[in-house]
Amino acid sequence: MPPKTALLVIDVQKYFESMTLAAVPNIKALISHFQSSSAPIIFTQHGHSKEELTTKPSPNQLVRKWGASGSIAYGSEDWQFQDSIKRYTTQPGCTLVAKNTYDAFINTNLAQVLEEKAIERVVVCGAMTDCCCDTTAYSAFKRGFETCLVSDACGSANKTQHQAGLRGFGFAFWGGTYD
């Protein structure tokens, strides 16, 4: 029997829409494939609480780095899923994981969700290749999951950042990157 595989769709939110224009059709194709085989799909949604955005200094390292104006407020328009992805997030077999840092395993129940589903392999796609996608993929690998980062189903602020994320992950980690 092949390993149980889950799709991790990282932060395909309105804030990152311009970064994922080319990736979204491929993300949707991955979602459709996983749905057709009834494989688990986990969507992450990045956002920060009012406390994280207004406390000085912020208790959240990313808010300290990017500032409140460069961070995604929980519940804001930027926090919403992109319109072309939103409908998938509520379908059967899909799980939503809220996060407030690059790594979707930190301060979340993602590891527990994967363990409960007896997942052995994860396929990672979404935004941003060189921040949340590669960090989550590294973390999955370190936790013992066979991990693939899908190069044409990820996006970043620019091609240089996108390629840097792919190169870093592809060099040292099991699954590498796939088109």
Protein backbone atom coordinates (compact mmCIF):
# COMPACT_ATOMS: atom_id res chain seq x y z
CA MET A 1 0.00 0.00 0.00
CA PRO A 2 1.45 3.43 -0.92
CA PRO A 3 2.17 5.93 1.85
CA LYS A 4 -0.72 8.12 2.94
CA THR A 5 -0.23 11.57 1.45
CA ALA A 6 -1.70 14.95 2.38
CA LEU A 7 -1.67 18.22 0.46
CA LEU A 8 -0.61 21.29 2.45
CA VAL A 9 -1.91 24.46 0.78
CA ILE A 10 -0.02 27.28 2.45
CA ASP A 11 -1.52 30.77 2.82
CA VAL A 12 -3.26 31.25 -0.54
CA GLN A 13 -4.76 34.47 0.78
CA LYS A 14 -5.61 37.80 -0.83
CA TYR A 15 -2.48 39.39 0.66
CA PHE A 16 -0.36 37.07 -1.54
CA GLU A 17 -2.56 37.18 -4.65
CA SER A 18 -0.07 39.01 -6.88
CA MET A 19 2.63 36.50 -5.88
CA THR A 20 0.59 33.41 -6.76
CA LEU A 21 -1.05 34.33 -10.09
CA ALA A 22 0.92 31.71 -12.03
CA ALA A 23 0.75 29.13 -9.23
CA VAL A 24 -3.00 29.15 -8.53
CA PRO A 25 -4.04 27.06 -11.58
CA ASN A 26 -1.51 24.41 -10.51
CA ILE A 27 -2.64 24.62 -6.88
CA LYS A 28 -6.22 24.08 -8.03
CA ALA A 29 -5.10 21.07 -10.11
CA LEU A 30 -3.39 19.57 -7.05
CA ILE A 31 -6.50 20.19 -4.94
CA SER A 32 -8.67 18.46 -7.58
CA HIS A 33 -6.31 15.50 -7.74
CA PHE A 34 -6.28 15.08 -3.96
CA GLN A 35 -10.06 15.45 -3.80
CA SER A 36 -10.53 12.77 -6.48
CA SER A 37 -8.54 10.31 -4.38
CA SER A 38 -10.13 11.43 -1.08
CA ALA A 39 -6.69 12.34 0.25
CA PRO A 40 -6.53 14.94 3.03
CA ILE A 41 -6.09 18.59 2.12
CA ILE A 42 -4.95 21.06 4.77
CA PHE A 43 -5.19 24.79 4.17
CA THR A 44 -3.19 27.17 6.32
CA GLN A 45 -4.25 30.76 6.89
CA HIS A 46 -1.70 33.26 8.17
CA GLY A 47 -2.85 36.10 10.41
CA HIS A 48 -2.11 38.14 13.51
CA SER A 49 -4.31 39.07 16.45
CA LYS A 50 -5.04 42.64 17.49
CA GLU A 51 -2.75 42.07 20.49
CA GLU A 52 0.12 40.97 18.25
CA LEU A 53 -0.39 44.02 16.03
CA THR A 54 -0.78 46.67 18.77
CA THR A 55 1.44 45.57 21.67
CA LYS A 56 4.83 47.32 21.74
CA PRO A 57 7.01 45.40 21.27
CA SER A 58 4.84 42.79 19.63
CA PRO A 59 4.92 39.32 21.20
CA ASN A 60 5.13 37.98 17.61
CA GLN A 61 8.54 37.93 15.93
CA LEU A 62 7.11 38.40 12.42
CA VAL A 63 5.18 41.49 13.45
CA ARG A 64 8.37 42.85 15.03
CA LYS A 65 10.21 42.18 11.74
CA TRP A 66 7.59 43.44 9.24
CA GLY A 67 5.71 45.94 11.42
CA ALA A 68 1.97 46.05 11.97
CA SER A 69 1.36 47.63 8.54
CA GLY A 70 3.32 44.84 6.82
CA SER A 71 1.48 42.07 8.67
CA ILE A 72 -1.86 40.39 7.98
CA ALA A 73 -4.56 41.22 10.51
CA TYR A 74 -6.78 38.30 11.50
CA GLY A 75 -10.21 38.79 9.87
CA SER A 76 -9.07 41.52 7.44
CA GLU A 77 -9.69 41.47 3.68
CA ASP A 78 -6.01 40.52 3.10
CA TRP A 79 -6.48 37.58 5.50
CA GLN A 80 -9.32 36.08 3.41
CA PHE A 81 -8.58 33.22 1.02
CA GLN A 82 -8.28 34.19 -2.63
CA ASP A 83 -11.64 34.01 -4.37
CA SER A 84 -10.54 31.22 -6.72
CA ILE A 85 -9.45 29.06 -3.74
CA LYS A 86 -12.03 29.96 -1.08
CA ARG A 87 -14.66 27.41 -2.15
CA TYR A 88 -12.22 24.52 -1.71
CA THR A 89 -11.48 25.35 1.93
CA THR A 90 -14.89 24.24 3.18
CA GLN A 91 -15.27 21.03 1.20
CA PRO A 92 -15.29 17.59 2.85
CA GLY A 93 -11.84 16.25 3.60
CA CYS A 94 -10.37 19.72 4.01
CA THR A 95 -8.92 21.01 7.27
CA LEU A 96 -8.08 24.61 8.13
CA VAL A 97 -5.06 25.45 10.29
CA ALA A 98 -4.63 29.04 11.51
CA LYS A 99 -1.02 30.15 11.90
CA ASN A 100 0.91 33.27 12.90
CA THR A 101 4.46 32.45 11.83
CA TYR A 102 6.20 31.03 8.76
CA ASP A 103 6.28 27.42 10.00
CA ALA A 104 2.78 25.90 9.94
CA PHE A 105 3.81 23.43 12.64
CA ILE A 106 4.64 26.12 15.23
CA ASN A 107 1.80 27.19 17.58
CA THR A 108 -0.71 25.05 15.63
CA ASN A 109 -2.28 21.60 15.65
CA LEU A 110 -0.89 20.64 12.22
CA ALA A 111 1.32 17.82 13.53
CA GLN A 112 -1.64 16.37 15.44
CA VAL A 113 -3.90 16.60 12.35
CA LEU A 114 -1.33 14.71 10.25
CA GLU A 115 -0.74 12.09 12.93
CA GLU A 116 -4.49 11.48 13.39
CA LYS A 117 -4.78 10.88 9.64
CA ALA A 118 -1.72 8.56 9.69
CA ILE A 119 0.00 10.70 7.07
CA GLU A 120 3.46 9.64 5.89
CA ARG A 121 4.04 12.09 3.02
CA VAL A 122 3.17 15.74 2.47
CA VAL A 123 3.02 17.76 -0.73
CA VAL A 124 3.51 21.48 -0.11
CA CYS A 125 2.30 24.36 -2.29
CA GLY A 126 1.17 27.96 -1.84
CA ALA A 127 2.73 31.27 -0.75
CA MET A 128 5.52 32.30 -0.19
CA THR A 129 8.02 29.80 -1.59
CA ASP A 130 10.96 31.18 0.38
CA CYS A 131 9.17 31.87 3.68
CA CYS A 132 6.12 29.86 4.67
CA CYS A 133 6.27 27.06 2.06
CA ASP A 134 9.91 26.09 2.45
CA THR A 135 9.89 26.59 6.24
CA THR A 136 6.84 24.35 6.61
CA ALA A 137 8.37 21.79 4.21
CA TYR A 138 11.65 21.77 6.20
CA SER A 139 9.68 21.27 9.39
CA ALA A 140 7.64 18.41 7.89
CA PHE A 141 10.83 16.70 6.73
CA LYS A 142 12.42 17.09 10.17
CA ARG A 143 9.34 15.47 11.70
CA GLY A 144 9.78 12.38 9.53
CA PHE A 145 7.36 13.08 6.68
CA GLU A 146 8.48 12.43 3.12
CA THR A 147 8.14 15.95 1.78
CA CYS A 148 7.74 17.44 -1.69
CA LEU A 149 7.66 21.15 -2.53
CA VAL A 150 5.91 21.71 -5.87
CA SER A 151 7.82 24.43 -7.71
CA ASP A 152 5.11 25.53 -10.14
CA ALA A 153 2.44 25.54 -7.42
CA CYS A 154 4.27 28.05 -5.22
CA GLY A 155 4.82 31.77 -5.57
CA SER A 156 6.87 34.50 -3.98
CA ALA A 157 7.54 38.23 -4.20
CA ASN A 158 9.83 37.75 -7.19
CA LYS A 159 11.56 35.07 -9.25
CA THR A 160 14.85 35.38 -7.33
CA GLN A 161 13.17 34.70 -3.99
CA HIS A 162 11.08 31.88 -5.47
CA GLN A 163 14.17 30.19 -6.94
CA ALA A 164 16.15 30.66 -3.71
CA GLY A 165 13.44 28.86 -1.73
CA LEU A 166 13.35 26.00 -4.21
CA ARG A 167 17.14 25.64 -4.38
CA GLY A 168 17.51 25.58 -0.62
CA PHE A 169 14.85 22.95 -0.16
CA GLY A 170 15.80 20.85 -3.19
CA PHE A 171 19.44 20.54 -2.21
CA ALA A 172 19.18 18.95 1.21
CA PHE A 173 15.76 17.46 1.69
CA TRP A 174 14.32 14.13 0.64
CA GLY A 175 11.51 14.89 -1.73
CA GLY A 176 13.10 17.84 -3.44
CA THR A 177 11.06 20.07 -5.68
CA TYR A 178 8.77 19.01 -8.50
CA ASP A 179 7.20 20.78 -11.47
